[in-house]
Amino acid sequence: RDAGDLVIVEAAKRIDELMGDEMLMFRIGGDEFALVSGLTDLKEAEKLAEKILSRNGETIEYKNQNIPVSLRTGFTKIPENSLRYSEFFVNMHQTIEESRKNESPS
């Protein structure tokens, strides 16, 4: 459990180090985060994701063990019309599930 908490802190740190001042990060689940960016160009969002993911496999140390930390990303666009939180939450979790399905097995 303690090692898992350290991994969550490391994940948040990696996102925080690369997000812009105008972006907001939320922890939405145990090990899930959402970054609201305001980016409208998918290529720019992909570049940000690539920078965050470039550290995949780097380790943290816990009780003399090196634990590799890897993140995955997905994108969802917030529509310009009115949006209820419940709708956004459903879209966000659909994106997370698609990301998991598309993840190549290690």
PDB file of N, CA and C in Angstrom:
ATOM      1  N   ARG A   1       0.829  -1.195   0.000  1.00  0.00           N
ATOM      2  CA  ARG A   1       0.000   0.000   0.000  1.00  0.00           C
ATOM      3  C   ARG A   1       0.875   1.262   0.000  1.00  0.00           C
ATOM      4  N   ASP A   2       1.910   1.266   0.825  1.00  0.00           N
ATOM      5  CA  ASP A   2       2.802   2.429   0.873  1.00  0.00           C
ATOM      6  C   ASP A   2       3.501   2.653  -0.465  1.00  0.00           C
ATOM      7  N   ALA A   3       3.912   1.554  -1.109  1.00  0.00           N
ATOM      8  CA  ALA A   3       4.558   1.672  -2.418  1.00  0.00           C
ATOM      9  C   ALA A   3       3.570   2.239  -3.436  1.00  0.00           C
ATOM     10  N   GLY A   4       2.321   1.805  -3.379  1.00  0.00           N
ATOM     11  CA  GLY A   4       1.294   2.320  -4.286  1.00  0.00           C
ATOM     12  C   GLY A   4       1.075   3.808  -4.093  1.00  0.00           C
ATOM     13  N   ASP A   5       1.094   4.249  -2.838  1.00  0.00           N
ATOM     14  CA  ASP A   5       0.946   5.685  -2.560  1.00  0.00           C
ATOM     15  C   ASP A   5       2.096   6.474  -3.167  1.00  0.00           C
ATOM     16  N   LEU A   6       3.306   5.931  -3.090  1.00  0.00           N
ATOM     17  CA  LEU A   6       4.465   6.603  -3.685  1.00  0.00           C
ATOM     18  C   LEU A   6       4.350   6.680  -5.207  1.00  0.00           C
ATOM     19  N   VAL A   7       3.806   5.629  -5.815  1.00  0.00           N
ATOM     20  CA  VAL A   7       3.608   5.631  -7.270  1.00  0.00           C
ATOM     21  C   VAL A   7       2.605   6.712  -7.654  1.00  0.00           C
ATOM     22  N   ILE A   8       1.537   6.858  -6.891  1.00  0.00           N
ATOM     23  CA  ILE A   8       0.535   7.886  -7.172  1.00  0.00           C
ATOM     24  C   ILE A   8       1.158   9.273  -7.074  1.00  0.00           C
ATOM     25  N   VAL A   9       1.974   9.491  -6.059  1.00  0.00           N
ATOM     26  CA  VAL A   9       2.654  10.784  -5.902  1.00  0.00           C
ATOM     27  C   VAL A   9       3.585  11.029  -7.089  1.00  0.00           C
ATOM     28  N   GLU A  10       4.308  10.006  -7.516  1.00  0.00           N
ATOM     29  CA  GLU A  10       5.224  10.140  -8.654  1.00  0.00           C
ATOM     30  C   GLU A  10       4.452  10.454  -9.936  1.00  0.00           C
ATOM     31  N   ALA A  11       3.322   9.798 -10.142  1.00  0.00           N
ATOM     32  CA  ALA A  11       2.506  10.060 -11.335  1.00  0.00           C
ATOM     33  C   ALA A  11       2.057  11.523 -11.347  1.00  0.00           C
ATOM     34  N   ALA A  12       1.557  11.994 -10.223  1.00  0.00           N
ATOM     35  CA  ALA A  12       1.113  13.396 -10.139  1.00  0.00           C
ATOM     36  C   ALA A  12       2.278  14.343 -10.381  1.00  0.00           C
ATOM     37  N   LYS A  13       3.435  14.011  -9.856  1.00  0.00           N
ATOM     38  CA  LYS A  13       4.621  14.853 -10.032  1.00  0.00           C
ATOM     39  C   LYS A  13       5.014  14.954 -11.508  1.00  0.00           C
ATOM     40  N   ARG A  14       4.992  13.837 -12.210  1.00  0.00           N
ATOM     41  CA  ARG A  14       5.363  13.842 -13.629  1.00  0.00           C
ATOM     42  C   ARG A  14       4.414  14.714 -14.447  1.00  0.00           C
ATOM     43  N   ILE A  15       3.136  14.635 -14.142  1.00  0.00           N
ATOM     44  CA  ILE A  15       2.159  15.467 -14.858  1.00  0.00           C
ATOM     45  C   ILE A  15       2.362  16.928 -14.488  1.00  0.00           C
ATOM     46  N   ASP A  16       2.503  17.196 -13.205  1.00  0.00           N
ATOM     47  CA  ASP A  16       2.641  18.567 -12.714  1.00  0.00           C
ATOM     48  C   ASP A  16       3.857  19.272 -13.302  1.00  0.00           C
ATOM     49  N   GLU A  17       4.950  18.547 -13.462  1.00  0.00           N
ATOM     50  CA  GLU A  17       6.182  19.148 -13.985  1.00  0.00           C
ATOM     51  C   GLU A  17       6.035  19.633 -15.425  1.00  0.00           C
ATOM     52  N   LEU A  18       5.113  19.059 -16.177  1.00  0.00           N
ATOM     53  CA  LEU A  18       4.991  19.396 -17.595  1.00  0.00           C
ATOM     54  C   LEU A  18       3.732  20.176 -17.947  1.00  0.00           C
ATOM     55  N   MET A  19       2.786  20.243 -17.034  1.00  0.00           N
ATOM     56  CA  MET A  19       1.556  20.967 -17.356  1.00  0.00           C
ATOM     57  C   MET A  19       1.798  22.468 -17.278  1.00  0.00           C
ATOM     58  N   GLY A  20       1.044  23.205 -18.066  1.00  0.00           N
ATOM     59  CA  GLY A  20       1.158  24.655 -18.060  1.00  0.00           C
ATOM     60  C   GLY A  20       0.425  25.258 -16.866  1.00  0.00           C
ATOM     61  N   ASP A  21       0.762  26.509 -16.562  1.00  0.00           N
ATOM     62  CA  ASP A  21       0.134  27.200 -15.435  1.00  0.00           C
ATOM     63  C   ASP A  21      -1.366  27.357 -15.617  1.00  0.00           C
ATOM     64  N   GLU A  22      -1.830  27.354 -16.862  1.00  0.00           N
ATOM     65  CA  GLU A  22      -3.249  27.544 -17.139  1.00  0.00           C
ATOM     66  C   GLU A  22      -4.023  26.226 -17.129  1.00  0.00           C
ATOM     67  N   MET A  23      -3.370  25.131 -16.801  1.00  0.00           N
ATOM     68  CA  MET A  23      -3.996  23.813 -16.793  1.00  0.00           C
ATOM     69  C   MET A  23      -4.355  23.404 -15.369  1.00  0.00           C
ATOM     70  N   LEU A  24      -5.360  22.537 -15.265  1.00  0.00           N
ATOM     71  CA  LEU A  24      -5.787  22.018 -13.967  1.00  0.00           C
ATOM     72  C   LEU A  24      -5.674  20.500 -13.961  1.00  0.00           C
ATOM     73  N   MET A  25      -5.110  19.954 -12.891  1.00  0.00           N
ATOM     74  CA  MET A  25      -5.023  18.511 -12.746  1.00  0.00           C
ATOM     75  C   MET A  25      -5.926  18.099 -11.590  1.00  0.00           C
ATOM     76  N   PHE A  26      -6.681  17.026 -11.826  1.00  0.00           N
ATOM     77  CA  PHE A  26      -7.554  16.474 -10.802  1.00  0.00           C
ATOM     78  C   PHE A  26      -7.231  14.999 -10.619  1.00  0.00           C
ATOM     79  N   ARG A  27      -7.251  14.545  -9.380  1.00  0.00           N
ATOM     80  CA  ARG A  27      -7.183  13.109  -9.129  1.00  0.00           C
ATOM     81  C   ARG A  27      -8.627  12.635  -9.113  1.00  0.00           C
ATOM     82  N   ILE A  28      -8.972  11.760 -10.052  1.00  0.00           N
ATOM     83  CA  ILE A  28     -10.369  11.356 -10.202  1.00  0.00           C
ATOM     84  C   ILE A  28     -10.637   9.951  -9.683  1.00  0.00           C
ATOM     85  N   GLY A  29      -9.612   9.249  -9.326  1.00  0.00           N
ATOM     86  CA  GLY A  29      -9.762   7.900  -8.803  1.00  0.00           C
ATOM     87  C   GLY A  29      -8.477   7.522  -8.111  1.00  0.00           C
ATOM     88  N   GLY A  30      -8.403   6.304  -7.656  1.00  0.00           N
ATOM     89  CA  GLY A  30      -7.223   5.859  -6.939  1.00  0.00           C
ATOM     90  C   GLY A  30      -5.923   6.196  -7.635  1.00  0.00           C
ATOM     91  N   ASP A  31      -5.804   5.778  -8.873  1.00  0.00           N
ATOM     92  CA  ASP A  31      -4.578   6.051  -9.624  1.00  0.00           C
ATOM     93  C   ASP A  31      -4.883   6.724 -10.957  1.00  0.00           C
ATOM     94  N   GLU A  32      -5.992   7.443 -11.008  1.00  0.00           N
ATOM     95  CA  GLU A  32      -6.396   8.109 -12.246  1.00  0.00           C
ATOM     96  C   GLU A  32      -6.423   9.618 -12.051  1.00  0.00           C
ATOM     97  N   PHE A  33      -5.884  10.304 -13.053  1.00  0.00           N
ATOM     98  CA  PHE A  33      -5.835  11.757 -13.032  1.00  0.00           C
ATOM     99  C   PHE A  33      -6.451  12.293 -14.315  1.00  0.00           C
ATOM    100  N   ALA A  34      -7.018  13.482 -14.230  1.00  0.00           N
ATOM    101  CA  ALA A  34      -7.493  14.193 -15.412  1.00  0.00           C
ATOM    102  C   ALA A  34      -6.754  15.518 -15.461  1.00  0.00           C
ATOM    103  N   LEU A  35      -6.309  15.866 -16.652  1.00  0.00           N
ATOM    104  CA  LEU A  35      -5.647  17.150 -16.871  1.00  0.00           C
ATOM    105  C   LEU A  35      -6.515  17.943 -17.831  1.00  0.00           C
ATOM    106  N   VAL A  36      -7.087  19.026 -17.339  1.00  0.00           N
ATOM    107  CA  VAL A  36      -7.903  19.899 -18.177  1.00  0.00           C
ATOM    108  C   VAL A  36      -6.965  20.966 -18.700  1.00  0.00           C
ATOM    109  N   SER A  37      -6.791  20.973 -20.027  1.00  0.00           N
ATOM    110  CA  SER A  37      -5.719  21.773 -20.594  1.00  0.00           C
ATOM    111  C   SER A  37      -6.158  23.024 -21.331  1.00  0.00           C
ATOM    112  N   GLY A  38      -7.336  23.024 -21.901  1.00  0.00           N
ATOM    113  CA  GLY A  38      -7.720  24.138 -22.753  1.00  0.00           C
ATOM    114  C   GLY A  38      -7.113  24.053 -24.138  1.00  0.00           C
ATOM    115  N   LEU A  39      -6.314  23.035 -24.410  1.00  0.00           N
ATOM    116  CA  LEU A  39      -5.732  22.850 -25.736  1.00  0.00           C
ATOM    117  C   LEU A  39      -6.831  22.487 -26.720  1.00  0.00           C
ATOM    118  N   THR A  40      -6.798  23.095 -27.886  1.00  0.00           N
ATOM    119  CA  THR A  40      -7.794  22.785 -28.909  1.00  0.00           C
ATOM    120  C   THR A  40      -7.201  21.988 -30.058  1.00  0.00           C
ATOM    121  N   ASP A  41      -5.892  21.947 -30.142  1.00  0.00           N
ATOM    122  CA  ASP A  41      -5.195  21.219 -31.198  1.00  0.00           C
ATOM    123  C   ASP A  41      -4.779  19.854 -30.651  1.00  0.00           C
ATOM    124  N   LEU A  42      -5.321  18.784 -31.241  1.00  0.00           N
ATOM    125  CA  LEU A  42      -5.023  17.435 -30.784  1.00  0.00           C
ATOM    126  C   LEU A  42      -3.525  17.152 -30.834  1.00  0.00           C
ATOM    127  N   LYS A  43      -2.829  17.672 -31.837  1.00  0.00           N
ATOM    128  CA  LYS A  43      -1.378  17.442 -31.950  1.00  0.00           C
ATOM    129  C   LYS A  43      -0.635  18.011 -30.735  1.00  0.00           C
ATOM    130  N   GLU A  44      -1.067  19.165 -30.250  1.00  0.00           N
ATOM    131  CA  GLU A  44      -0.437  19.759 -29.070  1.00  0.00           C
ATOM    132  C   GLU A  44      -0.697  18.901 -27.829  1.00  0.00           C
ATOM    133  N   ALA A  45      -1.910  18.383 -27.718  1.00  0.00           N
ATOM    134  CA  ALA A  45      -2.238  17.493 -26.593  1.00  0.00           C
ATOM    135  C   ALA A  45      -1.403  16.222 -26.672  1.00  0.00           C
ATOM    136  N   GLU A  46      -1.232  15.694 -27.882  1.00  0.00           N
ATOM    137  CA  GLU A  46      -0.416  14.489 -28.059  1.00  0.00           C
ATOM    138  C   GLU A  46       1.039  14.750 -27.692  1.00  0.00           C
ATOM    139  N   LYS A  47       1.565  15.922 -28.039  1.00  0.00           N
ATOM    140  CA  LYS A  47       2.950  16.268 -27.687  1.00  0.00           C
ATOM    141  C   LYS A  47       3.121  16.305 -26.170  1.00  0.00           C
ATOM    142  N   LEU A  48       2.157  16.898 -25.482  1.00  0.00           N
ATOM    143  CA  LEU A  48       2.213  16.952 -24.019  1.00  0.00           C
ATOM    144  C   LEU A  48       2.176  15.539 -23.443  1.00  0.00           C
ATOM    145  N   ALA A  49       1.290  14.708 -23.966  1.00  0.00           N
ATOM    146  CA  ALA A  49       1.195  13.320 -23.491  1.00  0.00           C
ATOM    147  C   ALA A  49       2.504  12.573 -23.733  1.00  0.00           C
ATOM    148  N   GLU A  50       3.099  12.759 -24.901  1.00  0.00           N
ATOM    149  CA  GLU A  50       4.364  12.092 -25.213  1.00  0.00           C
ATOM    150  C   GLU A  50       5.461  12.490 -24.232  1.00  0.00           C
ATOM    151  N   LYS A  51       5.494  13.770 -23.868  1.00  0.00           N
ATOM    152  CA  LYS A  51       6.501  14.230 -22.900  1.00  0.00           C
ATOM    153  C   LYS A  51       6.294  13.550 -21.553  1.00  0.00           C
ATOM    154  N   ILE A  52       5.040  13.455 -21.124  1.00  0.00           N
ATOM    155  CA  ILE A  52       4.744  12.805 -19.843  1.00  0.00           C
ATOM    156  C   ILE A  52       5.095  11.323 -19.908  1.00  0.00           C
ATOM    157  N   LEU A  53       4.719  10.671 -21.008  1.00  0.00           N
ATOM    158  CA  LEU A  53       4.962   9.230 -21.151  1.00  0.00           C
ATOM    159  C   LEU A  53       6.424   8.883 -21.400  1.00  0.00           C
ATOM    160  N   SER A  54       7.222   9.857 -21.784  1.00  0.00           N
ATOM    161  CA  SER A  54       8.630   9.577 -22.077  1.00  0.00           C
ATOM    162  C   SER A  54       9.389   9.071 -20.850  1.00  0.00           C
ATOM    163  N   ARG A  55       8.824   9.284 -19.681  1.00  0.00           N
ATOM    164  CA  ARG A  55       9.478   8.819 -18.446  1.00  0.00           C
ATOM    165  C   ARG A  55       9.004   7.441 -18.013  1.00  0.00           C
ATOM    166  N   ASN A  56       8.127   6.815 -18.803  1.00  0.00           N
ATOM    167  CA  ASN A  56       7.652   5.472 -18.464  1.00  0.00           C
ATOM    168  C   ASN A  56       8.828   4.522 -18.295  1.00  0.00           C
ATOM    169  N   GLY A  57       8.744   3.725 -17.257  1.00  0.00           N
ATOM    170  CA  GLY A  57       9.802   2.767 -16.969  1.00  0.00           C
ATOM    171  C   GLY A  57      10.810   3.274 -15.952  1.00  0.00           C
ATOM    172  N   GLU A  58      10.875   4.601 -15.765  1.00  0.00           N
ATOM    173  CA  GLU A  58      11.738   5.121 -14.702  1.00  0.00           C
ATOM    174  C   GLU A  58      11.214   4.600 -13.372  1.00  0.00           C
ATOM    175  N   THR A  59      12.115   4.424 -12.432  1.00  0.00           N
ATOM    176  CA  THR A  59      11.733   3.770 -11.178  1.00  0.00           C
ATOM    177  C   THR A  59      11.693   4.734  -9.994  1.00  0.00           C
ATOM    178  N   ILE A  60      10.950   4.293  -8.983  1.00  0.00           N
ATOM    179  CA  ILE A  60      11.020   4.922  -7.671  1.00  0.00           C
ATOM    180  C   ILE A  60      11.573   3.864  -6.728  1.00  0.00           C
ATOM    181  N   GLU A  61      12.139   4.310  -5.638  1.00  0.00           N
ATOM    182  CA  GLU A  61      12.701   3.351  -4.691  1.00  0.00           C
ATOM    183  C   GLU A  61      11.791   3.219  -3.487  1.00  0.00           C
ATOM    184  N   TYR A  62      11.543   1.977  -3.097  1.00  0.00           N
ATOM    185  CA  TYR A  62      10.752   1.688  -1.915  1.00  0.00           C
ATOM    186  C   TYR A  62      11.346   0.458  -1.236  1.00  0.00           C
ATOM    187  N   LYS A  63      11.784   0.637  -0.011  1.00  0.00           N
ATOM    188  CA  LYS A  63      12.374  -0.455   0.777  1.00  0.00           C
ATOM    189  C   LYS A  63      13.439  -1.205  -0.018  1.00  0.00           C
ATOM    190  N   ASN A  64      14.375  -0.440  -0.545  1.00  0.00           N
ATOM    191  CA  ASN A  64      15.504  -0.986  -1.299  1.00  0.00           C
ATOM    192  C   ASN A  64      15.098  -1.730  -2.571  1.00  0.00           C
ATOM    193  N   GLN A  65      13.914  -1.457  -3.078  1.00  0.00           N
ATOM    194  CA  GLN A  65      13.477  -2.030  -4.349  1.00  0.00           C
ATOM    195  C   GLN A  65      13.222  -0.901  -5.328  1.00  0.00           C
ATOM    196  N   ASN A  66      13.589  -1.119  -6.571  1.00  0.00           N
ATOM    197  CA  ASN A  66      13.279  -0.168  -7.633  1.00  0.00           C
ATOM    198  C   ASN A  66      11.994  -0.611  -8.313  1.00  0.00           C
ATOM    199  N   ILE A  67      10.994   0.244  -8.251  1.00  0.00           N
ATOM    200  CA  ILE A  67       9.681  -0.057  -8.818  1.00  0.00           C
ATOM    201  C   ILE A  67       9.475   0.806 -10.060  1.00  0.00           C
ATOM    202  N   PRO A  68       9.305   0.183 -11.236  1.00  0.00           N
ATOM    203  CA  PRO A  68       9.080   0.973 -12.450  1.00  0.00           C
ATOM    204  C   PRO A  68       7.681   1.602 -12.433  1.00  0.00           C
ATOM    205  N   VAL A  69       7.620   2.839 -12.894  1.00  0.00           N
ATOM    206  CA  VAL A  69       6.351   3.563 -12.952  1.00  0.00           C
ATOM    207  C   VAL A  69       6.050   3.887 -14.408  1.00  0.00           C
ATOM    208  N   SER A  70       4.876   3.490 -14.862  1.00  0.00           N
ATOM    209  CA  SER A  70       4.441   3.791 -16.226  1.00  0.00           C
ATOM    210  C   SER A  70       3.030   4.351 -16.188  1.00  0.00           C
ATOM    211  N   LEU A  71       2.794   5.331 -17.038  1.00  0.00           N
ATOM    212  CA  LEU A  71       1.488   5.964 -17.150  1.00  0.00           C
ATOM    213  C   LEU A  71       0.928   5.701 -18.535  1.00  0.00           C
ATOM    214  N   ARG A  72      -0.350   5.917 -18.703  1.00  0.00           N
ATOM    215  CA  ARG A  72      -0.974   5.864 -20.025  1.00  0.00           C
ATOM    216  C   ARG A  72      -1.875   7.077 -20.148  1.00  0.00           C
ATOM    217  N   THR A  73      -2.215   7.432 -21.375  1.00  0.00           N
ATOM    218  CA  THR A  73      -3.019   8.626 -21.591  1.00  0.00           C
ATOM    219  C   THR A  73      -4.185   8.333 -22.528  1.00  0.00           C
ATOM    220  N   GLY A  74      -5.140   9.204 -22.470  1.00  0.00           N
ATOM    221  CA  GLY A  74      -6.268   9.202 -23.382  1.00  0.00           C
ATOM    222  C   GLY A  74      -6.761  10.629 -23.481  1.00  0.00           C
ATOM    223  N   PHE A  75      -7.534  10.917 -24.511  1.00  0.00           N
ATOM    224  CA  PHE A  75      -8.003  12.284 -24.721  1.00  0.00           C
ATOM    225  C   PHE A  75      -9.514  12.295 -24.867  1.00  0.00           C
ATOM    226  N   THR A  76     -10.123  13.297 -24.319  1.00  0.00           N
ATOM    227  CA  THR A  76     -11.535  13.547 -24.562  1.00  0.00           C
ATOM    228  C   THR A  76     -11.719  15.050 -24.686  1.00  0.00           C
ATOM    229  N   LYS A  77     -12.581  15.438 -25.586  1.00  0.00           N
ATOM    230  CA  LYS A  77     -12.807  16.858 -25.828  1.00  0.00           C
ATOM    231  C   LYS A  77     -14.041  17.306 -25.054  1.00  0.00           C
ATOM    232  N   ILE A  78     -13.922  18.435 -24.403  1.00  0.00           N
ATOM    233  CA  ILE A  78     -15.061  19.008 -23.700  1.00  0.00           C
ATOM    234  C   ILE A  78     -15.850  19.829 -24.723  1.00  0.00           C
ATOM    235  N   PRO A  79     -17.129  19.500 -24.916  1.00  0.00           N
ATOM    236  CA  PRO A  79     -17.902  20.253 -25.912  1.00  0.00           C
ATOM    237  C   PRO A  79     -18.091  21.706 -25.499  1.00  0.00           C
ATOM    238  N   GLU A  80     -18.305  22.546 -26.497  1.00  0.00           N
ATOM    239  CA  GLU A  80     -18.455  23.976 -26.227  1.00  0.00           C
ATOM    240  C   GLU A  80     -19.814  24.319 -25.626  1.00  0.00           C
ATOM    241  N   ASN A  81     -20.815  23.465 -25.860  1.00  0.00           N
ATOM    242  CA  ASN A  81     -22.118  23.750 -25.270  1.00  0.00           C
ATOM    243  C   ASN A  81     -22.115  23.367 -23.787  1.00  0.00           C
ATOM    244  N   SER A  82     -23.195  23.614 -23.122  1.00  0.00           N
ATOM    245  CA  SER A  82     -23.302  23.290 -21.696  1.00  0.00           C
ATOM    246  C   SER A  82     -23.024  21.810 -21.479  1.00  0.00           C
ATOM    247  N   LEU A  83     -22.343  21.518 -20.409  1.00  0.00           N
ATOM    248  CA  LEU A  83     -21.975  20.142 -20.106  1.00  0.00           C
ATOM    249  C   LEU A  83     -22.212  19.873 -18.635  1.00  0.00           C
ATOM    250  N   ARG A  84     -22.910  18.815 -18.370  1.00  0.00           N
ATOM    251  CA  ARG A  84     -23.118  18.388 -16.982  1.00  0.00           C
ATOM    252  C   ARG A  84     -21.902  17.562 -16.564  1.00  0.00           C
ATOM    253  N   TYR A  85     -21.552  17.658 -15.300  1.00  0.00           N
ATOM    254  CA  TYR A  85     -20.403  16.900 -14.792  1.00  0.00           C
ATOM    255  C   TYR A  85     -20.585  15.418 -15.065  1.00  0.00           C
ATOM    256  N   SER A  86     -21.795  14.900 -14.878  1.00  0.00           N
ATOM    257  CA  SER A  86     -22.029  13.465 -15.072  1.00  0.00           C
ATOM    258  C   SER A  86     -21.708  13.047 -16.510  1.00  0.00           C
ATOM    259  N   GLU A  87     -22.022  13.893 -17.494  1.00  0.00           N
ATOM    260  CA  GLU A  87     -21.716  13.583 -18.888  1.00  0.00           C
ATOM    261  C   GLU A  87     -20.208  13.558 -19.112  1.00  0.00           C
ATOM    262  N   PHE A  88     -19.522  14.552 -18.579  1.00  0.00           N
ATOM    263  CA  PHE A  88     -18.069  14.614 -18.722  1.00  0.00           C
ATOM    264  C   PHE A  88     -17.420  13.403 -18.058  1.00  0.00           C
ATOM    265  N   PHE A  89     -17.902  13.048 -16.872  1.00  0.00           N
ATOM    266  CA  PHE A  89     -17.367  11.924 -16.119  1.00  0.00           C
ATOM    267  C   PHE A  89     -17.506  10.630 -16.918  1.00  0.00           C
ATOM    268  N   VAL A  90     -18.663  10.407 -17.544  1.00  0.00           N
ATOM    269  CA  VAL A  90     -18.886   9.215 -18.360  1.00  0.00           C
ATOM    270  C   VAL A  90     -17.924   9.211 -19.545  1.00  0.00           C
ATOM    271  N   ASN A  91     -17.804  10.342 -20.250  1.00  0.00           N
ATOM    272  CA  ASN A  91     -16.891  10.426 -21.401  1.00  0.00           C
ATOM    273  C   ASN A  91     -15.452  10.171 -20.981  1.00  0.00           C
ATOM    274  N   MET A  92     -15.072  10.721 -19.850  1.00  0.00           N
ATOM    275  CA  MET A  92     -13.704  10.565 -19.368  1.00  0.00           C
ATOM    276  C   MET A  92     -13.416   9.090 -19.068  1.00  0.00           C
ATOM    277  N   HIS A  93     -14.345   8.416 -18.412  1.00  0.00           N
ATOM    278  CA  HIS A  93     -14.112   7.009 -18.087  1.00  0.00           C
ATOM    279  C   HIS A  93     -14.178   6.112 -19.316  1.00  0.00           C
ATOM    280  N   GLN A  94     -14.955   6.478 -20.317  1.00  0.00           N
ATOM    281  CA  GLN A  94     -14.932   5.732 -21.581  1.00  0.00           C
ATOM    282  C   GLN A  94     -13.554   5.856 -22.230  1.00  0.00           C
ATOM    283  N   THR A  95     -12.976   7.050 -22.174  1.00  0.00           N
ATOM    284  CA  THR A  95     -11.635   7.268 -22.724  1.00  0.00           C
ATOM    285  C   THR A  95     -10.609   6.435 -21.972  1.00  0.00           C
ATOM    286  N   ILE A  96     -10.718   6.376 -20.664  1.00  0.00           N
ATOM    287  CA  ILE A  96      -9.795   5.570 -19.853  1.00  0.00           C
ATOM    288  C   ILE A  96      -9.912   4.096 -20.231  1.00  0.00           C
ATOM    289  N   GLU A  97     -11.130   3.603 -20.373  1.00  0.00           N
ATOM    290  CA  GLU A  97     -11.325   2.201 -20.733  1.00  0.00           C
ATOM    291  C   GLU A  97     -10.768   1.899 -22.124  1.00  0.00           C
ATOM    292  N   GLU A  98     -10.972   2.803 -23.079  1.00  0.00           N
ATOM    293  CA  GLU A  98     -10.409   2.605 -24.422  1.00  0.00           C
ATOM    294  C   GLU A  98      -8.892   2.562 -24.368  1.00  0.00           C
ATOM    295  N   SER A  99      -8.304   3.421 -23.538  1.00  0.00           N
ATOM    296  CA  SER A  99      -6.852   3.445 -23.395  1.00  0.00           C
ATOM    297  C   SER A  99      -6.359   2.106 -22.848  1.00  0.00           C
ATOM    298  N   ARG A 100      -7.054   1.560 -21.889  1.00  0.00           N
ATOM    299  CA  ARG A 100      -6.665   0.265 -21.321  1.00  0.00           C
ATOM    300  C   ARG A 100      -6.754  -0.841 -22.360  1.00  0.00           C
ATOM    301  N   LYS A 101      -7.811  -0.830 -23.175  1.00  0.00           N
ATOM    302  CA  LYS A 101      -7.989  -1.861 -24.194  1.00  0.00           C
ATOM    303  C   LYS A 101      -6.906  -1.775 -25.260  1.00  0.00           C
ATOM    304  N   ASN A 102      -6.481  -0.559 -25.580  1.00  0.00           N
ATOM    305  CA  ASN A 102      -5.483  -0.359 -26.629  1.00  0.00           C
ATOM    306  C   ASN A 102      -4.053  -0.550 -26.143  1.00  0.00           C
ATOM    307  N   GLU A 103      -3.890  -0.694 -24.841  1.00  0.00           N
ATOM    308  CA  GLU A 103      -2.551  -0.846 -24.271  1.00  0.00           C
ATOM    309  C   GLU A 103      -1.981  -2.197 -24.677  1.00  0.00           C
ATOM    310  N   SER A 104      -0.752  -2.171 -25.150  1.00  0.00           N
ATOM    311  CA  SER A 104      -0.115  -3.426 -25.540  1.00  0.00           C
ATOM    312  C   SER A 104       0.323  -4.175 -24.292  1.00  0.00           C
ATOM    313  N   PRO A 105       0.163  -5.491 -24.278  1.00  0.00           N
ATOM    314  CA  PRO A 105       0.566  -6.264 -23.100  1.00  0.00           C
ATOM    315  C   PRO A 105       2.078  -6.200 -22.901  1.00  0.00           C
ATOM    316  N   SER A 106       2.494  -6.183 -21.624  1.00  0.00           N
ATOM    317  CA  SER A 106       3.932  -6.106 -21.316  1.00  0.00           C
ATOM    318  C   SER A 106       4.505  -7.488 -21.200  1.00  0.00           C
TER     319      SER A 106
END
